[in-house]
Structures are given as C-alpha cells and as structure tokens.
C-alpha atoms as a PDB file:
ATOM      1  CA  MET A   1      23.096 -10.947 -87.171  1.00  0.00           C
ATOM      2  CA  LYS A   2      22.458 -13.206 -84.082  1.00  0.00           C
ATOM      3  CA  HIS A   3      24.887 -13.680 -81.204  1.00  0.00           C
ATOM      4  CA  PRO A   4      26.770 -17.008 -81.271  1.00  0.00           C
ATOM      5  CA  LEU A   5      25.228 -18.060 -77.947  1.00  0.00           C
ATOM      6  CA  ASP A   6      21.770 -17.627 -79.360  1.00  0.00           C
ATOM      7  CA  LEU A   7      22.745 -19.850 -82.247  1.00  0.00           C
ATOM      8  CA  HIS A   8      24.491 -22.668 -80.422  1.00  0.00           C
ATOM      9  CA  LEU A   9      23.121 -22.904 -76.832  1.00  0.00           C
ATOM     10  CA  PRO A  10      19.765 -24.499 -76.332  1.00  0.00           C
ATOM     11  CA  LEU A  11      17.214 -22.910 -73.980  1.00  0.00           C
ATOM     12  CA  LYS A  12      17.768 -25.581 -71.336  1.00  0.00           C
ATOM     13  CA  ASN A  13      21.482 -24.817 -71.115  1.00  0.00           C
ATOM     14  CA  MET A  14      20.707 -21.086 -70.670  1.00  0.00           C
ATOM     15  CA  ARG A  15      18.470 -21.850 -67.675  1.00  0.00           C
ATOM     16  CA  ILE A  16      21.218 -23.920 -66.074  1.00  0.00           C
ATOM     17  CA  LEU A  17      23.703 -21.117 -66.617  1.00  0.00           C
ATOM     18  CA  LEU A  18      21.376 -18.539 -65.040  1.00  0.00           C
ATOM     19  CA  THR A  19      20.723 -20.807 -62.043  1.00  0.00           C
ATOM     20  CA  ILE A  20      24.446 -21.317 -61.446  1.00  0.00           C
ATOM     21  CA  THR A  21      25.104 -17.603 -61.751  1.00  0.00           C
ATOM     22  CA  SER A  22      22.284 -16.667 -59.284  1.00  0.00           C
ATOM     23  CA  THR A  23      23.424 -19.278 -56.791  1.00  0.00           C
ATOM     24  CA  THR A  24      26.992 -18.016 -56.941  1.00  0.00           C
ATOM     25  CA  ILE A  25      25.904 -14.431 -56.329  1.00  0.00           C
ATOM     26  CA  LEU A  26      23.660 -15.447 -53.368  1.00  0.00           C
ATOM     27  CA  LEU A  27      26.458 -17.500 -51.774  1.00  0.00           C
ATOM     28  CA  ASN A  28      28.818 -14.555 -52.092  1.00  0.00           C
ATOM     29  CA  LEU A  29      26.293 -12.243 -50.421  1.00  0.00           C
ATOM     30  CA  LEU A  30      25.692 -14.672 -47.556  1.00  0.00           C
ATOM     31  CA  SER A  31      29.427 -15.099 -47.103  1.00  0.00           C
ATOM     32  CA  GLN A  32      29.905 -11.346 -46.889  1.00  0.00           C
ATOM     33  CA  CYS A  33      27.030 -10.946 -44.410  1.00  0.00           C
ATOM     34  CA  THR A  34      28.469 -13.716 -42.211  1.00  0.00           C
ATOM     35  CA  CYS A  35      31.866 -12.079 -42.205  1.00  0.00           C
ATOM     36  CA  TYR A  36      30.253  -8.741 -41.365  1.00  0.00           C
ATOM     37  CA  ALA A  37      28.227 -10.256 -38.507  1.00  0.00           C
ATOM     38  CA  GLN A  38      31.290 -12.009 -37.037  1.00  0.00           C
ATOM     39  CA  SER A  39      33.622  -9.054 -37.442  1.00  0.00           C
ATOM     40  CA  PRO A  40      34.307  -7.346 -34.053  1.00  0.00           C
ATOM     41  CA  GLU A  41      34.736  -3.908 -35.597  1.00  0.00           C
ATOM     42  CA  HIS A  42      31.097  -3.893 -36.699  1.00  0.00           C
ATOM     43  CA  GLY A  43      29.691  -4.081 -33.136  1.00  0.00           C
ATOM     44  CA  ASP A  44      26.482  -6.140 -32.669  1.00  0.00           C
ATOM     45  CA  GLY A  45      25.896  -8.962 -35.084  1.00  0.00           C
ATOM     46  CA  ILE A  46      22.906  -9.199 -37.388  1.00  0.00           C
ATOM     47  CA  TYR A  47      21.227 -11.711 -35.115  1.00  0.00           C
ATOM     48  CA  THR A  48      21.589  -9.391 -32.121  1.00  0.00           C
ATOM     49  CA  VAL A  49      20.249  -6.444 -34.103  1.00  0.00           C
ATOM     50  CA  ILE A  50      17.210  -8.465 -35.184  1.00  0.00           C
ATOM     51  CA  ILE A  51      16.512  -9.606 -31.588  1.00  0.00           C
ATOM     52  CA  LYS A  52      16.777  -6.034 -30.289  1.00  0.00           C
ATOM     53  CA  LYS A  53      14.424  -4.853 -33.002  1.00  0.00           C
ATOM     54  CA  GLN A  54      11.870  -7.513 -32.054  1.00  0.00           C
ATOM     55  CA  GLU A  55      12.177  -6.620 -28.370  1.00  0.00           C
ATOM     56  CA  LYS A  56      11.534  -2.963 -29.157  1.00  0.00           C
ATOM     57  CA  LYS A  57       8.477  -3.923 -31.158  1.00  0.00           C
ATOM     58  CA  ARG A  58       7.216  -6.029 -28.248  1.00  0.00           C
ATOM     59  CA  GLN A  59       7.639  -3.170 -25.790  1.00  0.00           C
ATOM     60  CA  GLU A  60       5.867  -0.690 -28.072  1.00  0.00           C
ATOM     61  CA  ARG A  61       3.070  -3.078 -28.962  1.00  0.00           C
ATOM     62  CA  TRP A  62      -0.397  -2.045 -27.711  1.00  0.00           C
ATOM     63  CA  SER A  63      -2.580  -4.754 -26.237  1.00  0.00           C
ATOM     64  CA  LEU A  64      -5.681  -4.974 -24.090  1.00  0.00           C
ATOM     65  CA  ALA A  65      -3.626  -6.489 -21.257  1.00  0.00           C
ATOM     66  CA  SER A  66      -1.099  -3.642 -21.326  1.00  0.00           C
ATOM     67  CA  TRP A  67      -3.920  -1.085 -21.384  1.00  0.00           C
ATOM     68  CA  TYR A  68      -5.500  -2.683 -18.301  1.00  0.00           C
ATOM     69  CA  GLU A  69      -2.115  -2.784 -16.529  1.00  0.00           C
ATOM     70  CA  THR A  70      -1.560   0.918 -17.246  1.00  0.00           C
ATOM     71  CA  LYS A  71      -5.078   1.706 -16.046  1.00  0.00           C
ATOM     72  CA  GLU A  72      -4.409  -0.099 -12.761  1.00  0.00           C
ATOM     73  CA  LYS A  73      -1.149   1.817 -12.250  1.00  0.00           C
ATOM     74  CA  ILE A  74      -2.953   5.116 -12.810  1.00  0.00           C
ATOM     75  CA  ARG A  75      -5.704   4.089 -10.389  1.00  0.00           C
ATOM     76  CA  LEU A  76      -3.140   3.248  -7.701  1.00  0.00           C
ATOM     77  CA  MET A  77      -1.406   6.591  -8.230  1.00  0.00           C
ATOM     78  CA  ASP A  78      -4.751   8.371  -7.950  1.00  0.00           C
ATOM     79  CA  MET A  79      -5.442   6.534  -4.684  1.00  0.00           C
ATOM     80  CA  TRP A  80      -2.018   7.517  -3.338  1.00  0.00           C
ATOM     81  CA  LEU A  81      -2.636  11.161  -4.255  1.00  0.00           C
ATOM     82  CA  ALA A  82      -6.076  11.062  -2.654  1.00  0.00           C
ATOM     83  CA  LEU A  83      -4.574   9.723   0.574  1.00  0.00           C
ATOM     84  CA  HIS A  84      -1.873  12.383   0.676  1.00  0.00           C
ATOM     85  CA  THR A  85      -3.698  15.434  -0.666  1.00  0.00           C
ATOM     86  CA  SER A  86      -5.903  17.339   1.750  1.00  0.00           C
ATOM     87  CA  SER A  87      -8.383  20.056   0.886  1.00  0.00           C
ATOM     88  CA  SER A  88      -8.288  21.378   4.472  1.00  0.00           C
ATOM     89  CA  LEU A  89      -5.264  21.932   6.695  1.00  0.00           C
ATOM     90  CA  TYR A  90      -7.211  22.015   9.983  1.00  0.00           C
ATOM     91  CA  GLU A  91      -9.740  19.581  11.448  1.00  0.00           C
ATOM     92  CA  PHE A  92     -11.738  19.709  14.682  1.00  0.00           C
ATOM     93  CA  PHE A  93     -14.209  17.319  16.275  1.00  0.00           C
ATOM     94  CA  VAL A  94     -16.226  16.781  19.460  1.00  0.00           C
ATOM     95  CA  GLY A  95     -18.006  13.625  20.526  1.00  0.00           C
ATOM     96  CA  GLY A  96     -19.432  11.474  23.244  1.00  0.00           C
ATOM     97  CA  ASP A  97     -20.463   7.868  23.892  1.00  0.00           C
ATOM     98  CA  THR A  98     -21.842   5.571  26.556  1.00  0.00           C
ATOM     99  CA  ALA A  99     -21.976   1.862  27.392  1.00  0.00           C
ATOM    100  CA  THR A 100     -22.754  -0.697  30.055  1.00  0.00           C
ATOM    101  CA  VAL A 101     -19.396  -2.085  31.142  1.00  0.00           C
ATOM    102  CA  ASP A 102     -18.895  -5.588  32.510  1.00  0.00           C
ATOM    103  CA  VAL A 103     -16.145  -5.654  35.147  1.00  0.00           C
ATOM    104  CA  GLN A 104     -14.423  -8.986  35.910  1.00  0.00           C
ATOM    105  CA  SER A 105     -11.941  -8.931  38.758  1.00  0.00           C
ATOM    106  CA  ASP A 106      -9.669 -11.066  40.945  1.00  0.00           C
ATOM    107  CA  LEU A 107      -9.826  -8.345  43.602  1.00  0.00           C
ATOM    108  CA  ILE A 108     -13.521  -7.547  43.921  1.00  0.00           C
ATOM    109  CA  GLU A 109     -16.835  -9.095  42.914  1.00  0.00           C
ATOM    110  CA  ASP A 110     -17.817  -8.961  39.241  1.00  0.00           C
ATOM    111  CA  SER A 111     -20.133  -6.085  38.448  1.00  0.00           C
ATOM    112  CA  SER A 112     -21.628  -3.921  35.718  1.00  0.00           C
ATOM    113  CA  HIS A 113     -21.515  -0.141  35.476  1.00  0.00           C
ATOM    114  CA  VAL A 114     -22.553   2.551  33.033  1.00  0.00           C
ATOM    115  CA  ILE A 115     -19.683   4.525  31.553  1.00  0.00           C
ATOM    116  CA  GLN A 116     -19.984   7.915  29.870  1.00  0.00           C
ATOM    117  CA  ARG A 117     -17.242   9.606  27.873  1.00  0.00           C
ATOM    118  CA  GLY A 118     -16.715  12.948  26.148  1.00  0.00           C
ATOM    119  CA  GLU A 119     -13.896  13.988  23.839  1.00  0.00           C
ATOM    120  CA  VAL A 120     -12.538  16.881  21.806  1.00  0.00           C
ATOM    121  CA  GLY A 121      -9.788  16.839  19.178  1.00  0.00           C
ATOM    122  CA  ALA A 122      -7.917  19.212  16.887  1.00  0.00           C
ATOM    123  CA  TYR A 123      -5.578  18.485  13.975  1.00  0.00           C
ATOM    124  CA  ALA A 124      -3.229  20.681  11.981  1.00  0.00           C
ATOM    125  CA  SER A 125      -1.993  18.775   8.935  1.00  0.00           C
ATOM    126  CA  ILE A 126      -0.601  15.444  10.249  1.00  0.00           C
ATOM    127  CA  PHE A 127      -0.345  16.493  13.917  1.00  0.00           C
ATOM    128  CA  GLY A 128      -3.185  16.307  16.401  1.00  0.00           C
ATOM    129  CA  LEU A 129      -4.185  16.659  20.049  1.00  0.00           C
ATOM    130  CA  GLN A 130      -7.043  14.820  21.741  1.00  0.00           C
ATOM    131  CA  VAL A 131      -8.528  15.077  25.227  1.00  0.00           C
ATOM    132  CA  GLN A 132     -11.047  12.616  26.659  1.00  0.00           C
ATOM    133  CA  TYR A 133     -12.962  12.491  29.950  1.00  0.00           C
ATOM    134  CA  GLU A 134     -14.722   9.398  31.312  1.00  0.00           C
ATOM    135  CA  ASP A 135     -16.987   8.647  34.271  1.00  0.00           C
ATOM    136  CA  LEU A 136     -17.631   5.054  35.333  1.00  0.00           C
ATOM    137  CA  ALA A 137     -20.743   5.560  37.477  1.00  0.00           C
ATOM    138  CA  GLN A 138     -18.744   7.605  39.995  1.00  0.00           C
ATOM    139  CA  VAL A 139     -16.739   4.471  40.841  1.00  0.00           C
ATOM    140  CA  GLU A 140     -13.891   5.658  38.626  1.00  0.00           C
ATOM    141  CA  THR A 141     -13.254   8.916  36.841  1.00  0.00           C
ATOM    142  CA  GLY A 142     -10.381   9.930  34.667  1.00  0.00           C
ATOM    143  CA  TRP A 143      -9.076  11.722  31.622  1.00  0.00           C
ATOM    144  CA  LYS A 144      -6.698  11.151  28.728  1.00  0.00           C
ATOM    145  CA  GLY A 145      -4.572  13.642  26.846  1.00  0.00           C
ATOM    146  CA  SER A 146      -2.637  12.490  23.789  1.00  0.00           C
ATOM    147  CA  PHE A 147      -0.498  13.724  20.913  1.00  0.00           C
ATOM    148  CA  HIS A 148      -1.150  12.123  17.513  1.00  0.00           C
ATOM    149  CA  PHE A 149       1.040  11.747  14.449  1.00  0.00           C
ATOM    150  CA  ARG A 150      -0.651  10.610  11.225  1.00  0.00           C
ATOM    151  CA  LEU A 151       1.603   8.403   9.085  1.00  0.00           C
ATOM    152  CA  LEU A 152      -0.946   7.811   6.315  1.00  0.00           C
ATOM    153  CA  GLY A 153      -4.016   9.731   5.253  1.00  0.00           C
ATOM    154  CA  THR A 154      -5.143  13.339   5.131  1.00  0.00           C
ATOM    155  CA  ALA A 155      -7.794  13.509   7.863  1.00  0.00           C
ATOM    156  CA  VAL A 156      -9.466  11.724  10.751  1.00  0.00           C
ATOM    157  CA  GLN A 157     -12.463  11.432   8.428  1.00  0.00           C
ATOM    158  CA  ASN A 158     -10.441   9.492   5.851  1.00  0.00           C
ATOM    159  CA  THR A 159      -8.525   6.218   5.642  1.00  0.00           C
ATOM    160  CA  ASN A 160      -5.511   6.747   7.900  1.00  0.00           C
ATOM    161  CA  LEU A 161      -2.813   5.190  10.069  1.00  0.00           C
ATOM    162  CA  THR A 162      -1.970   7.190  13.204  1.00  0.00           C
ATOM    163  CA  LEU A 163       0.470   6.837  16.093  1.00  0.00           C
ATOM    164  CA  MET A 164      -0.228   8.331  19.512  1.00  0.00           C
ATOM    165  CA  TYR A 165       1.435   9.011  22.839  1.00  0.00           C
ATOM    166  CA  GLY A 166      -0.142  10.495  25.938  1.00  0.00           C
ATOM    167  CA  VAL A 167      -1.081  10.416  29.612  1.00  0.00           C
ATOM    168  CA  ARG A 168      -4.025   8.667  31.247  1.00  0.00           C
ATOM    169  CA  ASN A 169      -5.155   9.815  34.691  1.00  0.00           C
ATOM    170  CA  ARG A 170      -7.396   7.414  36.639  1.00  0.00           C
ATOM    171  CA  ASN A 171      -9.052   8.022  40.019  1.00  0.00           C
ATOM    172  CA  ASP A 172     -10.292   4.883  41.747  1.00  0.00           C
ATOM    173  CA  HIS A 173     -12.796   6.215  44.288  1.00  0.00           C
ATOM    174  CA  SER A 174     -13.463   2.790  45.794  1.00  0.00           C
ATOM    175  CA  ASN A 175     -10.015   2.671  47.434  1.00  0.00           C
ATOM    176  CA  ALA A 176      -8.884   6.306  46.993  1.00  0.00           C
ATOM    177  CA  GLN A 177      -6.078   5.494  44.584  1.00  0.00           C
ATOM    178  CA  GLU A 178      -4.890   7.731  41.761  1.00  0.00           C
ATOM    179  CA  TYR A 179      -2.751   6.549  38.843  1.00  0.00           C
ATOM    180  CA  ARG A 180      -1.200   8.532  36.031  1.00  0.00           C
ATOM    181  CA  ASN A 181       0.031   6.190  33.288  1.00  0.00           C
ATOM    182  CA  HIS A 182       1.847   7.196  30.164  1.00  0.00           C
ATOM    183  CA  PHE A 183       0.622   5.255  27.153  1.00  0.00           C
ATOM    184  CA  ALA A 184       1.500   4.638  23.519  1.00  0.00           C
ATOM    185  CA  GLY A 185      -0.629   3.232  20.754  1.00  0.00           C
ATOM    186  CA  ALA A 186      -1.755   3.171  17.164  1.00  0.00           C
ATOM    187  CA  SER A 187      -5.042   3.387  15.304  1.00  0.00           C
ATOM    188  CA  MET A 188      -6.078   2.355  11.822  1.00  0.00           C
ATOM    189  CA  THR A 189      -9.174   3.683  10.019  1.00  0.00           C
ATOM    190  CA  LEU A 190     -10.279   2.001   6.802  1.00  0.00           C
ATOM    191  CA  TYR A 191     -13.196   3.226   4.695  1.00  0.00           C
ATOM    192  CA  LEU A 192     -14.936   0.270   3.041  1.00  0.00           C
ATOM    193  CA  HIS A 193     -17.296   2.707   1.305  1.00  0.00           C
ATOM    194  CA  ARG A 194     -17.421   6.485   1.039  1.00  0.00           C
ATOM    195  CA  VAL A 195     -19.681   6.677   4.096  1.00  0.00           C
ATOM    196  CA  PHE A 196     -18.916   3.412   5.933  1.00  0.00           C
ATOM    197  CA  GLY A 197     -15.767   2.069   7.539  1.00  0.00           C
ATOM    198  CA  ILE A 198     -13.999   0.259  10.361  1.00  0.00           C
ATOM    199  CA  GLU A 199     -11.445   1.369  12.909  1.00  0.00           C
ATOM    200  CA  GLY A 200      -9.034  -0.488  15.170  1.00  0.00           C
ATOM    201  CA  ARG A 201      -7.066   0.913  18.098  1.00  0.00           C
ATOM    202  CA  TYR A 202      -4.508  -0.544  20.492  1.00  0.00           C
ATOM    203  CA  GLN A 203      -2.921   1.163  23.504  1.00  0.00           C
ATOM    204  CA  VAL A 204      -0.350   0.077  26.084  1.00  0.00           C
ATOM    205  CA  TYR A 205      -0.432   1.649  29.572  1.00  0.00           C
ATOM    206  CA  PHE A 206       3.053   1.799  31.043  1.00  0.00           C
ATOM    207  CA  PRO A 207       3.456   1.013  34.779  1.00  0.00           C
ATOM    208  CA  ASN A 208       2.767   3.819  37.253  1.00  0.00           C
ATOM    209  CA  SER A 209       2.549   3.808  41.025  1.00  0.00           C
ATOM    210  CA  SER A 210       0.081   5.596  43.271  1.00  0.00           C
ATOM    211  CA  LYS A 211       1.131   7.547  46.347  1.00  0.00           C
ATOM    212  CA  GLU A 212       0.430   4.471  48.464  1.00  0.00           C
ATOM    213  CA  GLY A 213       2.877   2.375  46.429  1.00  0.00           C
ATOM    214  CA  PHE A 214       0.473   0.311  44.299  1.00  0.00           C
ATOM    215  CA  THR A 215       1.393  -0.058  40.634  1.00  0.00           C
ATOM    216  CA  LEU A 216      -0.998  -0.243  37.685  1.00  0.00           C
ATOM    217  CA  GLU A 217      -0.335  -1.329  34.103  1.00  0.00           C
ATOM    218  CA  GLY A 218      -2.448  -2.697  31.260  1.00  0.00           C
ATOM    219  CA  THR A 219      -3.638  -2.492  27.673  1.00  0.00           C
ATOM    220  CA  ARG A 220      -6.732  -1.414  25.774  1.00  0.00           C
ATOM    221  CA  THR A 221      -8.095  -2.854  22.505  1.00  0.00           C
ATOM    222  CA  GLU A 222     -10.920  -1.308  20.478  1.00  0.00           C
ATOM    223  CA  ALA A 223     -12.751  -2.311  17.280  1.00  0.00           C
ATOM    224  CA  SER A 224     -15.300   0.060  15.746  1.00  0.00           C
ATOM    225  CA  LEU A 225     -17.865   0.279  12.964  1.00  0.00           C
ATOM    226  CA  PHE A 226     -18.960   3.748  11.865  1.00  0.00           C
ATOM    227  CA  LEU A 227     -21.276   5.522   9.453  1.00  0.00           C
ATOM    228  CA  ASP A 228     -20.570   9.080   8.274  1.00  0.00           C
ATOM    229  CA  TYR A 229     -23.337  11.429   7.271  1.00  0.00           C
ATOM    230  CA  SER A 230     -21.731  14.723   6.256  1.00  0.00           C
ATOM    231  CA  LEU A 231     -20.241  16.179   9.453  1.00  0.00           C
ATOM    232  CA  LEU A 232     -21.895  13.556  11.705  1.00  0.00           C
ATOM    233  CA  ARG A 233     -20.397  10.165  12.534  1.00  0.00           C
ATOM    234  CA  ILE A 234     -22.403   7.436  14.256  1.00  0.00           C
ATOM    235  CA  TYR A 235     -20.307   4.598  15.651  1.00  0.00           C
ATOM    236  CA  GLY A 236     -20.272   1.497  17.790  1.00  0.00           C
ATOM    237  CA  THR A 237     -17.090   0.364  19.549  1.00  0.00           C
ATOM    238  CA  TRP A 238     -16.285  -2.935  21.253  1.00  0.00           C
ATOM    239  CA  PHE A 239     -13.475  -2.623  23.775  1.00  0.00           C
ATOM    240  CA  GLU A 240     -11.495  -4.686  26.259  1.00  0.00           C
ATOM    241  CA  GLU A 241      -9.230  -3.216  28.930  1.00  0.00           C
ATOM    242  CA  PRO A 242      -7.295  -5.625  31.189  1.00  0.00           C
ATOM    243  CA  LEU A 243      -5.519  -3.850  34.083  1.00  0.00           C
ATOM    244  CA  THR A 244      -3.051  -5.522  36.443  1.00  0.00           C
ATOM    245  CA  TYR A 245      -2.259  -4.268  39.952  1.00  0.00           C
ATOM    246  CA  PHE A 246       1.027  -4.812  41.774  1.00  0.00           C
ATOM    247  CA  SER A 247       2.372  -4.205  45.238  1.00  0.00           C
ATOM    248  CA  GLY A 248       6.089  -3.983  44.747  1.00  0.00           C
ATOM    249  CA  SER A 249       6.937  -6.913  42.478  1.00  0.00           C
ATOM    250  CA  ASP A 250       3.985  -9.038  43.642  1.00  0.00           C
ATOM    251  CA  SER A 251       0.854  -9.169  41.488  1.00  0.00           C
ATOM    252  CA  LEU A 252      -2.315  -8.405  43.422  1.00  0.00           C
ATOM    253  CA  GLY A 253      -4.740  -9.326  40.668  1.00  0.00           C
ATOM    254  CA  LYS A 254      -6.367  -8.199  37.448  1.00  0.00           C
ATOM    255  CA  ILE A 255      -9.459  -6.193  36.590  1.00  0.00           C
ATOM    256  CA  THR A 256     -10.847  -6.499  33.055  1.00  0.00           C
ATOM    257  CA  ARG A 257     -13.473  -4.165  31.635  1.00  0.00           C
ATOM    258  CA  ARG A 258     -15.447  -5.042  28.498  1.00  0.00           C
ATOM    259  CA  GLY A 259     -18.331  -3.410  26.733  1.00  0.00           C
ATOM    260  CA  VAL A 260     -19.818  -1.960  23.557  1.00  0.00           C
ATOM    261  CA  LEU A 261     -19.909   1.817  23.284  1.00  0.00           C
ATOM    262  CA  GLY A 262     -22.401   3.714  21.157  1.00  0.00           C
ATOM    263  CA  GLY A 263     -21.746   7.328  20.306  1.00  0.00           C
ATOM    264  CA  LEU A 264     -21.733  10.363  18.032  1.00  0.00           C
ATOM    265  CA  ARG A 265     -18.949  12.585  16.739  1.00  0.00           C
ATOM    266  CA  LEU A 266     -19.224  15.957  14.989  1.00  0.00           C
ATOM    267  CA  PHE A 267     -16.505  17.202  12.605  1.00  0.00           C
ATOM    268  CA  PHE A 268     -15.740  20.826  11.728  1.00  0.00           C
END
C-alpha cells in the first residue's frame, strides 16, 4: 500500500519541500555558528581562528626566497664564528721596511731622506705588544712601544679591528732635542681575498716637551696594501705624519713627512 504523500503530492511539490527544509537547516546552522563566534565564553571567534591558521601556514610554508634568506643567515653566522674562533692562541711576527721620505717644513728647507724601520710583535689571544725602531738617515732616530687590544678578529693575519696605546721616543739630532710622546690609535685590516687585503691606521701623538721647553704634537695616517704568501707578507704603505712644534703656547711651525714604504713581515 503506498503512502498518502506518494499518492497526492506531485514530484515538483516534493522538490520544493526538500529545498525549504534544506534551507531552514542551513540557516539554523549559520545562526548557531554566528552565536558561537560572538559568544565571549568561547574565546577567539571563527574568523580569528581562520586568520591564525592561515598565518601559521604562511610561516611554515617553504619557498625559494625563504631558503635563500636562511642560507644568508647561516653564512653570516659562519663568518662571525670564523672571525671569533682562533686555531692558535699565540702569534709572533718580525718585519722591516724602507722608503724615501719627503720632508716639508716651515722651520727648515724641504728635503728628502731614506728611512729604515724594524719591528717585532707578539700576541696572546686578543692582547698584543709591538716594538718598532726607525732611523731617518741619522737625522732622526726613535722607537715606539705599544699595547694592542683586538676588538674584532682572531689574529693579525686576519680581518681585525684593533686599538692601541703606547709611547713614541724621537731624537732630533739636528737640534739635539728629544721628545717622548704618548699616543693612541686604531687600525683596521680587511681581507678582500684569502691572500690579499688592505689596512688603515691612525695615531694621535699627545703633546710632550723636551728638556729645553719645546713641545711636539702631531698625527700619523697610514694606508696599506698587502699580499700574504703562507707566513710571508709583502706590503706597501703610504703614510703622512704632520708634526707641530711649540714654544710655550706659540706655534713655531710644522714639519710634515710623507712617503711610501715597502717591506716584508714574517709570521710565526
């Protein structure tokens, strides 16, 4: 026996009834979801949850750009470790150089002299001592002794930034004057290649008076190119050293020395 609906309702009316019923159920579900999303006791709303889920997906998504960014971060960390990790605690070196120095002066006639220098240095970790002797064609002789503190880098033979403080003794044989200036400075070594680099150095000589009452002060600027071959370094250094002389508070004049040094340094 057939159900009464099957006997009396046409197929078209059944489709309308099903559509109305489905729509009613969907509206009820949406109404409940909206109430749930707006209810404070349920925490974050559905929209917020969806946004957070998308953000998490974005952060976890692998891409070529993110891979390259990660690679660059790792490379920078490797560089930092290389600059701060040393395979040797101690470092020693000896060296020497020479140049023809042009001397320009307000006190004497301009002239040129040959200068010769020798140096020795020793480092333990980031601390170092250096001693240098120079002879300006017997017109001037002198020595420097300095303490060095390396802020960046693991060795003299590596990219580094170093501060220094020391004493410079200068004997002027032309007028029998002797000066002993304290000085402070900084140097920066940058390797452009594994065996090739540049170096800059700047020093300030603080005022000091001779026994006769004359005062000397000045600065020194150096710029170098060097080539390392194992334990041997070959270098060329341009330098400028302006020195000012005083008698009391009155300036007597300035002497400026310039030249290009060529030299060798051996590391141990």
